[in-house]
C-alpha atoms as a PDB file:
ATOM      1  CA  MET A   1      -3.209   0.097   4.018  1.00  0.00           C
ATOM      2  CA  PRO A   2      -3.943   1.239   0.466  1.00  0.00           C
ATOM      3  CA  ASP A   3      -4.180   4.956   1.351  1.00  0.00           C
ATOM      4  CA  VAL A   4      -0.697   5.201   2.846  1.00  0.00           C
ATOM      5  CA  PRO A   5       1.727   7.069   0.562  1.00  0.00           C
ATOM      6  CA  VAL A   6       4.996   5.316  -0.269  1.00  0.00           C
ATOM      7  CA  ARG A   7       7.863   7.183  -1.921  1.00  0.00           C
ATOM      8  CA  VAL A   8       9.660   5.094  -4.571  1.00  0.00           C
ATOM      9  CA  TYR A   9      13.061   6.146  -5.887  1.00  0.00           C
ATOM     10  CA  GLY A  10      14.890   4.840  -8.965  1.00  0.00           C
ATOM     11  CA  LEU A  11      12.055   4.959 -11.520  1.00  0.00           C
ATOM     12  CA  PRO A  12      12.232   7.050 -14.696  1.00  0.00           C
ATOM     13  CA  GLU A  13       9.019   8.911 -13.750  1.00  0.00           C
ATOM     14  CA  GLY A  14      11.035  11.012 -11.338  1.00  0.00           C
ATOM     15  CA  ASN A  15      12.282  10.890  -7.810  1.00  0.00           C
ATOM     16  CA  PRO A  16      10.338  10.239  -5.760  1.00  0.00           C
ATOM     17  CA  LEU A  17       7.250   8.670  -7.282  1.00  0.00           C
ATOM     18  CA  ILE A  18       4.427   8.739  -4.704  1.00  0.00           C
ATOM     19  CA  VAL A  19       2.410   5.504  -4.738  1.00  0.00           C
ATOM     20  CA  LYS A  20      -0.803   4.726  -2.847  1.00  0.00           C
ATOM     21  CA  GLY A  21      -1.911   1.121  -3.206  1.00  0.00           C
ATOM     22  CA  ASN A  22      -0.436  -0.926  -6.044  1.00  0.00           C
ATOM     23  CA  TYR A  23       1.814   0.260  -8.851  1.00  0.00           C
ATOM     24  CA  GLU A  24       3.061  -1.729 -11.816  1.00  0.00           C
ATOM     25  CA  LYS A  25       5.175  -0.399 -14.648  1.00  0.00           C
ATOM     26  CA  ALA A  26       7.090  -1.887 -17.563  1.00  0.00           C
ATOM     27  CA  VAL A  27      10.293   0.024 -18.173  1.00  0.00           C
ATOM     28  CA  LEU A  28      12.942  -0.389 -20.835  1.00  0.00           C
ATOM     29  CA  LYS A  29      16.266   0.789 -19.466  1.00  0.00           C
ATOM     30  CA  ASP A  30      19.447   1.284 -21.423  1.00  0.00           C
ATOM     31  CA  THR A  31      21.628   0.355 -18.474  1.00  0.00           C
ATOM     32  CA  ASP A  32      23.216  -2.721 -16.952  1.00  0.00           C
ATOM     33  CA  ILE A  33      21.960  -2.269 -13.375  1.00  0.00           C
ATOM     34  CA  VAL A  34      18.787  -1.033 -11.701  1.00  0.00           C
ATOM     35  CA  GLY A  35      18.042  -0.407  -8.046  1.00  0.00           C
ATOM     36  CA  LEU A  36      14.854   0.690  -6.295  1.00  0.00           C
ATOM     37  CA  GLU A  37      14.296   2.194  -2.888  1.00  0.00           C
ATOM     38  CA  ALA A  38      10.998   2.818  -1.075  1.00  0.00           C
ATOM     39  CA  ARG A  39      10.192   4.794   2.060  1.00  0.00           C
ATOM     40  CA  CYS A  40       7.043   5.217   4.102  1.00  0.00           C
ATOM     41  CA  ASP A  41       6.469   7.241   7.272  1.00  0.00           C
ATOM     42  CA  ASN A  42       3.905   4.746   8.601  1.00  0.00           C
ATOM     43  CA  PRO A  43       5.728   1.899  10.408  1.00  0.00           C
ATOM     44  CA  GLU A  44       2.634  -0.321  10.082  1.00  0.00           C
ATOM     45  CA  ALA A  45       2.559  -0.262   6.269  1.00  0.00           C
ATOM     46  CA  LEU A  46       4.087  -3.252   4.495  1.00  0.00           C
ATOM     47  CA  ILE A  47       6.095  -2.327   1.395  1.00  0.00           C
ATOM     48  CA  THR A  48       6.927  -4.878  -1.299  1.00  0.00           C
ATOM     49  CA  LEU A  49       9.241  -4.209  -4.238  1.00  0.00           C
ATOM     50  CA  GLU A  50       9.589  -6.814  -6.972  1.00  0.00           C
ATOM     51  CA  VAL A  51      11.729  -6.418 -10.089  1.00  0.00           C
ATOM     52  CA  PHE A  52      11.232  -8.569 -13.181  1.00  0.00           C
ATOM     53  CA  VAL A  53      13.819  -8.808 -15.937  1.00  0.00           C
ATOM     54  CA  ASN A  54      12.703 -10.372 -19.210  1.00  0.00           C
ATOM     55  CA  GLY A  55       9.590 -11.754 -17.518  1.00  0.00           C
ATOM     56  CA  LYS A  56      11.449 -13.415 -14.632  1.00  0.00           C
ATOM     57  CA  SER A  57      11.452 -12.213 -11.043  1.00  0.00           C
ATOM     58  CA  ARG A  58      14.978 -11.114 -10.187  1.00  0.00           C
ATOM     59  CA  LYS A  59      14.399  -9.623  -6.749  1.00  0.00           C
ATOM     60  CA  LYS A  60      11.523  -9.388  -4.275  1.00  0.00           C
ATOM     61  CA  VAL A  61      11.870  -7.650  -0.928  1.00  0.00           C
ATOM     62  CA  SER A  62       9.305  -6.714   1.717  1.00  0.00           C
ATOM     63  CA  GLY A  63       9.537  -4.640   4.866  1.00  0.00           C
ATOM     64  CA  ASN A  64       8.423  -1.550   6.718  1.00  0.00           C
ATOM     65  CA  ARG A  65       9.480   2.130   6.607  1.00  0.00           C
ATOM     66  CA  TRP A  66      12.606   1.816   4.388  1.00  0.00           C
ATOM     67  CA  LEU A  67      13.402  -0.792   1.767  1.00  0.00           C
ATOM     68  CA  THR A  68      15.924  -1.269  -1.029  1.00  0.00           C
ATOM     69  CA  THR A  69      16.429  -3.881  -3.728  1.00  0.00           C
ATOM     70  CA  GLY A  70      20.140  -3.199  -3.951  1.00  0.00           C
ATOM     71  CA  ASP A  71      21.728  -3.368  -7.398  1.00  0.00           C
ATOM     72  CA  ILE A  72      20.046  -5.786  -9.809  1.00  0.00           C
ATOM     73  CA  PRO A  73      21.866  -6.763 -13.025  1.00  0.00           C
ATOM     74  CA  LEU A  74      19.683  -6.386 -16.109  1.00  0.00           C
ATOM     75  CA  LYS A  75      21.921  -8.268 -18.526  1.00  0.00           C
END
């Protein structure tokens, strides 16, 4: 469902960032922890959040409607 808007919170672009389809962004953060949250009004849409730290996948979660990565240590 590439045309379904998903609201992503926790990115430096602002809250929320509205994404339709795929979104990939490299971010340098001066913090020890990051956490992302995504919400979608369509219960049929599958949301996947994956966080990489220094090129390694630290957390990958998938689900419908509401999703969070929880706190992910960056250091």
